[in-house]
Amino acid sequence: MNIKREFVLTLSCRDTKGIVHAVAGLLYQAGCNIIDSQQFGDVQNEDSTGLFFMRVHFEAPEHLADEATLANLFGHVREQFAMTATIRVQSRKPRVMIMVSKHGHCLNDLLFRWKSGQLPVEIPTIVSNHPDYAELAASYGIAFHHLPLPTGAGPEVKRAQEQQVEALVEQEGVDLVVLARYMQILSPEFCAFLKGRAINIHHSFLPSFKGAKPYYQAHDRGVKLIGATAHYVTADLDEGPIIEQDVERVDHTLSPEDFTAVGRDVECVVLARAVKWHVEHRVLMNGHKTVVFR
């Protein structure tokens, strides 16, 4: 197989008969080879969207090995089923901006996975409201942008800083922004700008603990499970469509510091999975939820 001729088709539309046949038939007639195919139908009821989702990884013949050519080829099927469909070349690595504040565990983990080839992305820039990780960024040869926010900064100051980030996103051709423990509440305008292309990570507890030192609060309440949630960013704080979650068991023998260490490990793993699945085009939006093809 030729990696430069491999593509990923993702699509969603109203669930009806003949979708798989139409897609597979078109690929066959065009001389394409399906490498992997996954599908899901969200059966219509009061709690579902009634949508059909599909991800197809395929190899195209040389004369069709172009995103625009393939998109044009799928024009009739797209119109027939009123599909939202996207075709992306497999070999292109999405460009990722990482944003971080004071806690660097997720940043460090993502950089290691990227450098070791586990995360198929390019990381052109790191943005922080603190200067702490400038040397870490430099050690990986990545541009570091310190965009400070004074304590107690008002909405106008925060929005001005966000507009600097937006300019960097445009300038660097960023496909995805990862909030790797970036501890600032984003404005509705910034969330709208990043819609569908920003992932956040936060701790997940039952009961929920908010504010400073959540793992210390969890320890004080005798929590038995520590978890983390990775989700798309929306204007509703920590309530965006969930991509991935995981938990680790803890007990009374662990200190608050141990809780924190366990929690940080879970956060790293969950965020890395979510980012990897997103850049591999495995995550499709289904209303307020996601469909994740693994």
C-alpha atoms as a PDB file:
ATOM      1  CA  MET A   1       0.000   0.000   0.000  1.00  0.00           C
ATOM      2  CA  ASN A   2       1.057   3.576  -0.716  1.00  0.00           C
ATOM      3  CA  ILE A   3       0.490   5.825   2.314  1.00  0.00           C
ATOM      4  CA  LYS A   4       0.266   8.893   0.046  1.00  0.00           C
ATOM      5  CA  ARG A   5      -2.741   7.320  -1.669  1.00  0.00           C
ATOM      6  CA  GLU A   6      -4.577   6.434   1.547  1.00  0.00           C
ATOM      7  CA  PHE A   7      -7.579   8.523   2.597  1.00  0.00           C
ATOM      8  CA  VAL A   8     -10.183   8.625   5.362  1.00  0.00           C
ATOM      9  CA  LEU A   9     -13.822   9.323   4.535  1.00  0.00           C
ATOM     10  CA  THR A  10     -16.086  10.338   7.424  1.00  0.00           C
ATOM     11  CA  LEU A  11     -19.773  10.983   6.946  1.00  0.00           C
ATOM     12  CA  SER A  12     -23.073  11.481   8.732  1.00  0.00           C
ATOM     13  CA  CYS A  13     -26.635  11.710   7.442  1.00  0.00           C
ATOM     14  CA  ARG A  14     -30.163  10.588   8.231  1.00  0.00           C
ATOM     15  CA  ASP A  15     -30.181   6.825   8.692  1.00  0.00           C
ATOM     16  CA  THR A  16     -31.821   5.070   5.749  1.00  0.00           C
ATOM     17  CA  LYS A  17     -31.361   2.038   3.525  1.00  0.00           C
ATOM     18  CA  GLY A  18     -28.610   1.845   0.939  1.00  0.00           C
ATOM     19  CA  ILE A  19     -25.943   4.135   2.399  1.00  0.00           C
ATOM     20  CA  VAL A  20     -23.239   1.487   2.875  1.00  0.00           C
ATOM     21  CA  HIS A  21     -24.018  -0.047  -0.515  1.00  0.00           C
ATOM     22  CA  ALA A  22     -23.758   3.330  -2.233  1.00  0.00           C
ATOM     23  CA  VAL A  23     -20.463   4.281  -0.572  1.00  0.00           C
ATOM     24  CA  ALA A  24     -18.782   0.892  -0.954  1.00  0.00           C
ATOM     25  CA  GLY A  25     -20.085   0.524  -4.506  1.00  0.00           C
ATOM     26  CA  LEU A  26     -18.736   3.901  -5.554  1.00  0.00           C
ATOM     27  CA  LEU A  27     -15.318   3.137  -4.073  1.00  0.00           C
ATOM     28  CA  TYR A  28     -15.274  -0.240  -5.837  1.00  0.00           C
ATOM     29  CA  GLN A  29     -16.258   1.230  -9.185  1.00  0.00           C
ATOM     30  CA  ALA A  30     -13.552   3.886  -8.839  1.00  0.00           C
ATOM     31  CA  GLY A  31     -10.911   1.212  -8.245  1.00  0.00           C
ATOM     32  CA  CYS A  32     -10.361   2.036  -4.572  1.00  0.00           C
ATOM     33  CA  ASN A  33      -9.414  -0.559  -1.972  1.00  0.00           C
ATOM     34  CA  ILE A  34     -11.225  -0.393   1.404  1.00  0.00           C
ATOM     35  CA  ILE A  35      -8.711  -1.007   4.197  1.00  0.00           C
ATOM     36  CA  ASP A  36     -11.062  -0.518   7.137  1.00  0.00           C
ATOM     37  CA  SER A  37     -14.710   0.478   7.518  1.00  0.00           C
ATOM     38  CA  GLN A  38     -16.844   1.208  10.576  1.00  0.00           C
ATOM     39  CA  GLN A  39     -20.429   2.372  10.876  1.00  0.00           C
ATOM     40  CA  PHE A  40     -23.076   3.226  13.475  1.00  0.00           C
ATOM     41  CA  GLY A  41     -26.753   4.001  13.212  1.00  0.00           C
ATOM     42  CA  ASP A  42     -28.323   5.990  16.065  1.00  0.00           C
ATOM     43  CA  VAL A  43     -31.787   4.430  15.900  1.00  0.00           C
ATOM     44  CA  GLN A  44     -34.471   7.113  15.839  1.00  0.00           C
ATOM     45  CA  ASN A  45     -36.373   7.609  19.104  1.00  0.00           C
ATOM     46  CA  GLU A  46     -37.005  10.443  21.544  1.00  0.00           C
ATOM     47  CA  ASP A  47     -33.502  10.098  23.008  1.00  0.00           C
ATOM     48  CA  SER A  48     -31.504   9.801  19.765  1.00  0.00           C
ATOM     49  CA  THR A  49     -30.723  11.790  16.636  1.00  0.00           C
ATOM     50  CA  GLY A  50     -31.598   9.134  14.060  1.00  0.00           C
ATOM     51  CA  LEU A  51     -28.307   9.771  12.284  1.00  0.00           C
ATOM     52  CA  PHE A  52     -26.011   7.309  10.521  1.00  0.00           C
ATOM     53  CA  PHE A  53     -22.216   7.597  10.856  1.00  0.00           C
ATOM     54  CA  MET A  54     -19.446   5.978   8.853  1.00  0.00           C
ATOM     55  CA  ARG A  55     -15.650   6.041   8.697  1.00  0.00           C
ATOM     56  CA  VAL A  56     -13.893   4.430   5.749  1.00  0.00           C
ATOM     57  CA  HIS A  57     -10.122   4.134   5.401  1.00  0.00           C
ATOM     58  CA  PHE A  58      -9.276   3.360   1.782  1.00  0.00           C
ATOM     59  CA  GLU A  59      -6.525   3.452  -0.831  1.00  0.00           C
ATOM     60  CA  ALA A  60      -7.229   5.263  -4.090  1.00  0.00           C
ATOM     61  CA  PRO A  61      -5.705   4.591  -7.518  1.00  0.00           C
ATOM     62  CA  GLU A  62      -3.016   7.046  -8.532  1.00  0.00           C
ATOM     63  CA  HIS A  63      -5.213   9.065 -10.906  1.00  0.00           C
ATOM     64  CA  LEU A  64      -7.754   9.712  -8.111  1.00  0.00           C
ATOM     65  CA  ALA A  65      -5.303  10.242  -5.231  1.00  0.00           C
ATOM     66  CA  ASP A  66      -6.305  13.818  -4.481  1.00  0.00           C
ATOM     67  CA  GLU A  67      -8.747  15.161  -1.863  1.00  0.00           C
ATOM     68  CA  ALA A  68     -10.531  17.500  -4.280  1.00  0.00           C
ATOM     69  CA  THR A  69     -10.859  14.810  -6.966  1.00  0.00           C
ATOM     70  CA  LEU A  70     -12.285  12.299  -4.506  1.00  0.00           C
ATOM     71  CA  ALA A  71     -14.644  14.879  -3.003  1.00  0.00           C
ATOM     72  CA  ASN A  72     -15.973  15.603  -6.477  1.00  0.00           C
ATOM     73  CA  LEU A  73     -16.353  11.868  -7.105  1.00  0.00           C
ATOM     74  CA  PHE A  74     -18.574  11.603  -4.006  1.00  0.00           C
ATOM     75  CA  GLY A  75     -20.700  14.595  -5.009  1.00  0.00           C
ATOM     76  CA  HIS A  76     -23.703  12.605  -6.245  1.00  0.00           C
ATOM     77  CA  VAL A  77     -23.805  10.245  -3.232  1.00  0.00           C
ATOM     78  CA  ARG A  78     -23.426  13.202  -0.890  1.00  0.00           C
ATOM     79  CA  GLU A  79     -26.390  14.939  -2.464  1.00  0.00           C
ATOM     80  CA  GLN A  80     -28.465  11.752  -2.680  1.00  0.00           C
ATOM     81  CA  PHE A  81     -28.304  11.165   1.070  1.00  0.00           C
ATOM     82  CA  ALA A  82     -27.843  14.818   2.169  1.00  0.00           C
ATOM     83  CA  MET A  83     -24.566  13.819   3.791  1.00  0.00           C
ATOM     84  CA  THR A  84     -22.060  15.790   5.748  1.00  0.00           C
ATOM     85  CA  ALA A  85     -18.938  14.133   4.370  1.00  0.00           C
ATOM     86  CA  THR A  86     -15.223  14.866   4.508  1.00  0.00           C
ATOM     87  CA  ILE A  87     -12.296  13.165   2.788  1.00  0.00           C
ATOM     88  CA  ARG A  88      -8.802  13.628   4.222  1.00  0.00           C
ATOM     89  CA  VAL A  89      -5.449  12.308   3.086  1.00  0.00           C
ATOM     90  CA  GLN A  90      -4.112   9.870   5.688  1.00  0.00           C
ATOM     91  CA  SER A  91      -0.489  11.010   5.470  1.00  0.00           C
ATOM     92  CA  ARG A  92      -1.158  14.632   6.428  1.00  0.00           C
ATOM     93  CA  LYS A  93      -0.384  15.307  10.080  1.00  0.00           C
ATOM     94  CA  PRO A  94      -2.816  17.793  11.686  1.00  0.00           C
ATOM     95  CA  ARG A  95      -1.225  20.879  13.231  1.00  0.00           C
ATOM     96  CA  VAL A  96      -1.850  21.128  16.980  1.00  0.00           C
ATOM     97  CA  MET A  97      -1.487  24.081  19.321  1.00  0.00           C
ATOM     98  CA  ILE A  98      -1.113  23.187  23.006  1.00  0.00           C
ATOM     99  CA  MET A  99      -2.235  25.641  25.698  1.00  0.00           C
ATOM    100  CA  VAL A 100      -1.075  25.229  29.289  1.00  0.00           C
ATOM    101  CA  SER A 101      -0.970  27.131  32.584  1.00  0.00           C
ATOM    102  CA  LYS A 102       0.925  26.011  35.702  1.00  0.00           C
ATOM    103  CA  HIS A 103       0.401  22.215  35.639  1.00  0.00           C
ATOM    104  CA  GLY A 104       2.620  20.671  32.962  1.00  0.00           C
ATOM    105  CA  HIS A 105       1.942  16.929  33.222  1.00  0.00           C
ATOM    106  CA  CYS A 106      -0.389  16.747  30.210  1.00  0.00           C
ATOM    107  CA  LEU A 107       1.873  19.015  28.150  1.00  0.00           C
ATOM    108  CA  ASN A 108       4.918  16.893  28.949  1.00  0.00           C
ATOM    109  CA  ASP A 109       3.055  13.678  28.115  1.00  0.00           C
ATOM    110  CA  LEU A 110       1.787  14.967  24.769  1.00  0.00           C
ATOM    111  CA  LEU A 111       5.243  16.218  23.793  1.00  0.00           C
ATOM    112  CA  PHE A 112       6.825  12.854  24.596  1.00  0.00           C
ATOM    113  CA  ARG A 113       4.166  10.966  22.607  1.00  0.00           C
ATOM    114  CA  TRP A 114       4.657  13.343  19.674  1.00  0.00           C
ATOM    115  CA  LYS A 115       8.471  13.115  19.745  1.00  0.00           C
ATOM    116  CA  SER A 116       8.421   9.311  20.019  1.00  0.00           C
ATOM    117  CA  GLY A 117       6.066   8.969  17.055  1.00  0.00           C
ATOM    118  CA  GLN A 118       3.044   7.797  19.044  1.00  0.00           C
ATOM    119  CA  LEU A 119       1.001  10.897  18.208  1.00  0.00           C
ATOM    120  CA  PRO A 120       0.735  11.634  14.458  1.00  0.00           C
ATOM    121  CA  VAL A 121       0.663  15.438  14.608  1.00  0.00           C
ATOM    122  CA  GLU A 122       2.781  18.530  14.112  1.00  0.00           C
ATOM    123  CA  ILE A 123       3.106  20.902  17.088  1.00  0.00           C
ATOM    124  CA  PRO A 124       4.139  24.316  15.794  1.00  0.00           C
ATOM    125  CA  THR A 125       3.473  26.291  18.966  1.00  0.00           C
ATOM    126  CA  ILE A 126       2.734  26.209  22.690  1.00  0.00           C
ATOM    127  CA  VAL A 127       0.777  29.032  24.340  1.00  0.00           C
ATOM    128  CA  SER A 128       0.678  29.802  28.058  1.00  0.00           C
ATOM    129  CA  ASN A 129      -0.458  32.541  30.384  1.00  0.00           C
ATOM    130  CA  HIS A 130       2.654  31.774  32.469  1.00  0.00           C
ATOM    131  CA  PRO A 131       6.356  31.582  31.441  1.00  0.00           C
ATOM    132  CA  ASP A 132       7.078  28.306  33.275  1.00  0.00           C
ATOM    133  CA  TYR A 133       7.363  25.943  30.290  1.00  0.00           C
ATOM    134  CA  ALA A 134       9.386  28.081  27.891  1.00  0.00           C
ATOM    135  CA  GLU A 135      12.501  25.954  28.446  1.00  0.00           C
ATOM    136  CA  LEU A 136      10.552  22.719  27.964  1.00  0.00           C
ATOM    137  CA  ALA A 137       9.193  24.009  24.656  1.00  0.00           C
ATOM    138  CA  ALA A 138      12.678  25.091  23.581  1.00  0.00           C
ATOM    139  CA  SER A 139      14.075  21.627  24.360  1.00  0.00           C
ATOM    140  CA  TYR A 140      11.643  20.218  21.786  1.00  0.00           C
ATOM    141  CA  GLY A 141      12.316  23.004  19.290  1.00  0.00           C
ATOM    142  CA  ILE A 142       8.774  24.368  19.545  1.00  0.00           C
ATOM    143  CA  ALA A 143       7.877  28.068  19.577  1.00  0.00           C
ATOM    144  CA  PHE A 144       6.592  29.232  22.972  1.00  0.00           C
ATOM    145  CA  HIS A 145       4.242  32.198  23.296  1.00  0.00           C
ATOM    146  CA  HIS A 146       3.804  33.712  26.753  1.00  0.00           C
ATOM    147  CA  LEU A 147       0.533  35.640  26.691  1.00  0.00           C
ATOM    148  CA  PRO A 148       0.068  36.767  30.305  1.00  0.00           C
ATOM    149  CA  LEU A 149      -3.195  37.491  32.047  1.00  0.00           C
ATOM    150  CA  PRO A 150      -2.901  39.663  35.169  1.00  0.00           C
ATOM    151  CA  THR A 151      -4.653  38.397  38.297  1.00  0.00           C
ATOM    152  CA  GLY A 152      -8.217  39.668  38.306  1.00  0.00           C
ATOM    153  CA  ALA A 153      -8.105  40.597  34.626  1.00  0.00           C
ATOM    154  CA  GLY A 154     -11.480  41.736  33.343  1.00  0.00           C
ATOM    155  CA  PRO A 155     -13.394  40.451  30.291  1.00  0.00           C
ATOM    156  CA  GLU A 156     -11.880  43.031  27.926  1.00  0.00           C
ATOM    157  CA  VAL A 157      -8.314  42.102  28.875  1.00  0.00           C
ATOM    158  CA  LYS A 158      -9.062  38.380  28.595  1.00  0.00           C
ATOM    159  CA  ARG A 159     -10.736  38.836  25.222  1.00  0.00           C
ATOM    160  CA  ALA A 160      -7.738  40.785  23.906  1.00  0.00           C
ATOM    161  CA  GLN A 161      -5.462  37.918  24.964  1.00  0.00           C
ATOM    162  CA  GLU A 162      -7.780  35.381  23.285  1.00  0.00           C
ATOM    163  CA  GLN A 163      -7.622  37.391  20.066  1.00  0.00           C
ATOM    164  CA  GLN A 164      -3.847  37.030  20.161  1.00  0.00           C
ATOM    165  CA  VAL A 165      -4.354  33.257  20.377  1.00  0.00           C
ATOM    166  CA  GLU A 166      -6.832  33.378  17.487  1.00  0.00           C
ATOM    167  CA  ALA A 167      -4.257  35.219  15.377  1.00  0.00           C
ATOM    168  CA  LEU A 168      -1.692  32.514  16.146  1.00  0.00           C
ATOM    169  CA  VAL A 169      -4.177  29.794  15.193  1.00  0.00           C
ATOM    170  CA  GLU A 170      -4.690  31.462  11.808  1.00  0.00           C
ATOM    171  CA  GLN A 171      -1.013  32.276  11.326  1.00  0.00           C
ATOM    172  CA  GLU A 172       0.164  28.718  12.096  1.00  0.00           C
ATOM    173  CA  GLY A 173      -2.640  26.946  10.231  1.00  0.00           C
ATOM    174  CA  VAL A 174      -3.682  25.154  13.430  1.00  0.00           C
ATOM    175  CA  ASP A 175      -6.211  22.337  13.041  1.00  0.00           C
ATOM    176  CA  LEU A 176      -6.692  21.523  16.737  1.00  0.00           C
ATOM    177  CA  VAL A 177      -6.173  23.390  20.015  1.00  0.00           C
ATOM    178  CA  VAL A 178      -5.513  21.225  23.073  1.00  0.00           C
ATOM    179  CA  LEU A 179      -6.141  22.728  26.500  1.00  0.00           C
ATOM    180  CA  ALA A 180      -3.581  20.733  28.471  1.00  0.00           C
ATOM    181  CA  ARG A 181      -4.653  22.049  31.876  1.00  0.00           C
ATOM    182  CA  TYR A 182      -5.057  25.604  30.626  1.00  0.00           C
ATOM    183  CA  MET A 183      -6.755  27.096  33.656  1.00  0.00           C
ATOM    184  CA  GLN A 184      -8.741  29.954  32.164  1.00  0.00           C
ATOM    185  CA  ILE A 185     -12.475  30.194  31.434  1.00  0.00           C
ATOM    186  CA  LEU A 186     -12.861  30.895  27.717  1.00  0.00           C
ATOM    187  CA  SER A 187     -15.245  33.503  26.371  1.00  0.00           C
ATOM    188  CA  PRO A 188     -18.256  32.485  24.243  1.00  0.00           C
ATOM    189  CA  GLU A 189     -16.584  34.231  21.285  1.00  0.00           C
ATOM    190  CA  PHE A 190     -13.401  32.188  21.665  1.00  0.00           C
ATOM    191  CA  CYS A 191     -15.395  28.970  22.064  1.00  0.00           C
ATOM    192  CA  ALA A 192     -17.304  29.766  18.869  1.00  0.00           C
ATOM    193  CA  PHE A 193     -14.014  30.415  17.042  1.00  0.00           C
ATOM    194  CA  LEU A 194     -12.679  27.018  18.168  1.00  0.00           C
ATOM    195  CA  LYS A 195     -15.928  25.060  17.696  1.00  0.00           C
ATOM    196  CA  GLY A 196     -15.203  21.405  16.965  1.00  0.00           C
ATOM    197  CA  ARG A 197     -11.440  21.907  17.029  1.00  0.00           C
ATOM    198  CA  ALA A 198     -10.549  22.342  20.708  1.00  0.00           C
ATOM    199  CA  ILE A 199     -10.244  19.594  23.316  1.00  0.00           C
ATOM    200  CA  ASN A 200     -10.130  20.086  27.093  1.00  0.00           C
ATOM    201  CA  ILE A 201      -9.285  17.742  29.983  1.00  0.00           C
ATOM    202  CA  HIS A 202     -10.605  17.916  33.527  1.00  0.00           C
ATOM    203  CA  HIS A 203     -10.947  15.689  36.559  1.00  0.00           C
ATOM    204  CA  SER A 204     -14.150  13.677  36.946  1.00  0.00           C
ATOM    205  CA  PHE A 205     -15.465  12.936  40.417  1.00  0.00           C
ATOM    206  CA  LEU A 206     -18.698  11.649  41.835  1.00  0.00           C
ATOM    207  CA  PRO A 207     -19.538  13.673  43.869  1.00  0.00           C
ATOM    208  CA  SER A 208     -18.097  16.640  41.982  1.00  0.00           C
ATOM    209  CA  PHE A 209     -15.387  18.808  43.489  1.00  0.00           C
ATOM    210  CA  LYS A 210     -14.747  22.292  42.172  1.00  0.00           C
ATOM    211  CA  GLY A 211     -12.259  24.988  43.007  1.00  0.00           C
ATOM    212  CA  ALA A 212      -8.722  24.682  44.331  1.00  0.00           C
ATOM    213  CA  LYS A 213      -7.054  21.325  45.027  1.00  0.00           C
ATOM    214  CA  PRO A 214      -9.894  19.004  43.929  1.00  0.00           C
ATOM    215  CA  TYR A 215      -7.826  15.894  44.694  1.00  0.00           C
ATOM    216  CA  TYR A 216      -7.375  17.079  48.284  1.00  0.00           C
ATOM    217  CA  GLN A 217     -11.151  17.515  48.511  1.00  0.00           C
ATOM    218  CA  ALA A 218     -11.607  14.008  47.109  1.00  0.00           C
ATOM    219  CA  HIS A 219      -9.202  12.608  49.687  1.00  0.00           C
ATOM    220  CA  ASP A 220     -11.057  14.394  52.470  1.00  0.00           C
ATOM    221  CA  ARG A 221     -14.344  12.802  51.330  1.00  0.00           C
ATOM    222  CA  GLY A 222     -12.893   9.306  51.019  1.00  0.00           C
ATOM    223  CA  VAL A 223     -13.379   9.004  47.249  1.00  0.00           C
ATOM    224  CA  LYS A 224     -12.702   5.499  45.888  1.00  0.00           C
ATOM    225  CA  LEU A 225     -12.484   6.284  42.163  1.00  0.00           C
ATOM    226  CA  ILE A 226     -10.537   9.063  40.480  1.00  0.00           C
ATOM    227  CA  GLY A 227     -11.380   9.864  36.882  1.00  0.00           C
ATOM    228  CA  ALA A 228     -10.750  12.237  34.004  1.00  0.00           C
ATOM    229  CA  THR A 229     -12.862  13.447  31.071  1.00  0.00           C
ATOM    230  CA  ALA A 230     -11.703  14.751  27.704  1.00  0.00           C
ATOM    231  CA  HIS A 231     -14.303  16.703  25.760  1.00  0.00           C
ATOM    232  CA  TYR A 232     -14.755  19.288  23.052  1.00  0.00           C
ATOM    233  CA  VAL A 233     -14.759  22.879  24.249  1.00  0.00           C
ATOM    234  CA  THR A 234     -18.068  24.751  24.365  1.00  0.00           C
ATOM    235  CA  ALA A 235     -19.241  27.904  26.113  1.00  0.00           C
ATOM    236  CA  ASP A 236     -20.787  25.661  28.807  1.00  0.00           C
ATOM    237  CA  LEU A 237     -17.867  25.067  31.159  1.00  0.00           C
ATOM    238  CA  ASP A 238     -16.717  21.410  31.140  1.00  0.00           C
ATOM    239  CA  GLU A 239     -19.994  20.296  29.517  1.00  0.00           C
ATOM    240  CA  GLY A 240     -18.930  19.838  25.891  1.00  0.00           C
ATOM    241  CA  PRO A 241     -19.390  16.558  23.959  1.00  0.00           C
ATOM    242  CA  ILE A 242     -17.350  13.847  25.686  1.00  0.00           C
ATOM    243  CA  ILE A 243     -14.656  12.024  23.701  1.00  0.00           C
ATOM    244  CA  GLU A 244     -13.042   9.802  26.335  1.00  0.00           C
ATOM    245  CA  GLN A 245     -13.116   9.023  30.062  1.00  0.00           C
ATOM    246  CA  ASP A 246     -11.276   6.693  32.423  1.00  0.00           C
ATOM    247  CA  VAL A 247     -10.950   5.990  36.150  1.00  0.00           C
ATOM    248  CA  GLU A 248      -8.427   4.597  38.621  1.00  0.00           C
ATOM    249  CA  ARG A 249      -9.236   3.075  41.998  1.00  0.00           C
ATOM    250  CA  VAL A 250      -7.808   4.702  45.136  1.00  0.00           C
ATOM    251  CA  ASP A 251      -8.201   3.898  48.831  1.00  0.00           C
ATOM    252  CA  HIS A 252      -7.600   5.090  52.391  1.00  0.00           C
ATOM    253  CA  THR A 253      -3.890   4.179  52.322  1.00  0.00           C
ATOM    254  CA  LEU A 254      -3.091   6.952  49.850  1.00  0.00           C
ATOM    255  CA  SER A 255      -2.245  10.511  50.795  1.00  0.00           C
ATOM    256  CA  PRO A 256      -3.686  13.619  49.123  1.00  0.00           C
ATOM    257  CA  GLU A 257      -0.421  13.853  47.184  1.00  0.00           C
ATOM    258  CA  ASP A 258      -0.889  10.261  46.011  1.00  0.00           C
ATOM    259  CA  PHE A 259      -4.425  11.104  44.884  1.00  0.00           C
ATOM    260  CA  THR A 260      -3.035  14.015  42.902  1.00  0.00           C
ATOM    261  CA  ALA A 261      -0.379  11.833  41.245  1.00  0.00           C
ATOM    262  CA  VAL A 262      -2.927   9.182  40.276  1.00  0.00           C
ATOM    263  CA  GLY A 263      -5.282  11.844  38.954  1.00  0.00           C
ATOM    264  CA  ARG A 264      -2.588  13.431  36.824  1.00  0.00           C
ATOM    265  CA  ASP A 265      -1.691  10.065  35.299  1.00  0.00           C
ATOM    266  CA  VAL A 266      -5.339   9.456  34.340  1.00  0.00           C
ATOM    267  CA  GLU A 267      -5.623  12.946  32.871  1.00  0.00           C
ATOM    268  CA  CYS A 268      -2.569  12.350  30.673  1.00  0.00           C
ATOM    269  CA  VAL A 269      -3.827   9.041  29.292  1.00  0.00           C
ATOM    270  CA  VAL A 270      -7.373  10.242  28.656  1.00  0.00           C
ATOM    271  CA  LEU A 271      -6.268  13.448  26.931  1.00  0.00           C
ATOM    272  CA  ALA A 272      -3.740  11.616  24.751  1.00  0.00           C
ATOM    273  CA  ARG A 273      -6.391   9.136  23.610  1.00  0.00           C
ATOM    274  CA  ALA A 274      -8.854  11.887  22.785  1.00  0.00           C
ATOM    275  CA  VAL A 275      -6.282  13.862  20.788  1.00  0.00           C
ATOM    276  CA  LYS A 276      -5.111  10.759  18.902  1.00  0.00           C
ATOM    277  CA  TRP A 277      -8.650   9.703  17.990  1.00  0.00           C
ATOM    278  CA  HIS A 278      -9.492  13.227  16.850  1.00  0.00           C
ATOM    279  CA  VAL A 279      -6.449  13.609  14.595  1.00  0.00           C
ATOM    280  CA  GLU A 280      -7.074  10.136  13.146  1.00  0.00           C
ATOM    281  CA  HIS A 281     -10.584  11.339  12.228  1.00  0.00           C
ATOM    282  CA  ARG A 282     -12.302   8.789  14.458  1.00  0.00           C
ATOM    283  CA  VAL A 283     -14.598  11.212  16.309  1.00  0.00           C
ATOM    284  CA  LEU A 284     -17.886  12.388  14.798  1.00  0.00           C
ATOM    285  CA  MET A 285     -20.368  14.752  16.418  1.00  0.00           C
ATOM    286  CA  ASN A 286     -23.812  13.349  17.247  1.00  0.00           C
ATOM    287  CA  GLY A 287     -25.761  16.236  18.733  1.00  0.00           C
ATOM    288  CA  HIS A 288     -24.422  16.795  22.259  1.00  0.00           C
ATOM    289  CA  LYS A 289     -22.573  13.464  22.114  1.00  0.00           C
ATOM    290  CA  THR A 290     -19.834  11.897  20.010  1.00  0.00           C
ATOM    291  CA  VAL A 291     -19.434   8.716  18.025  1.00  0.00           C
ATOM    292  CA  VAL A 292     -15.877   7.377  18.384  1.00  0.00           C
ATOM    293  CA  PHE A 293     -14.672   4.729  15.913  1.00  0.00           C
ATOM    294  CA  ARG A 294     -11.670   3.006  17.480  1.00  0.00           C
END
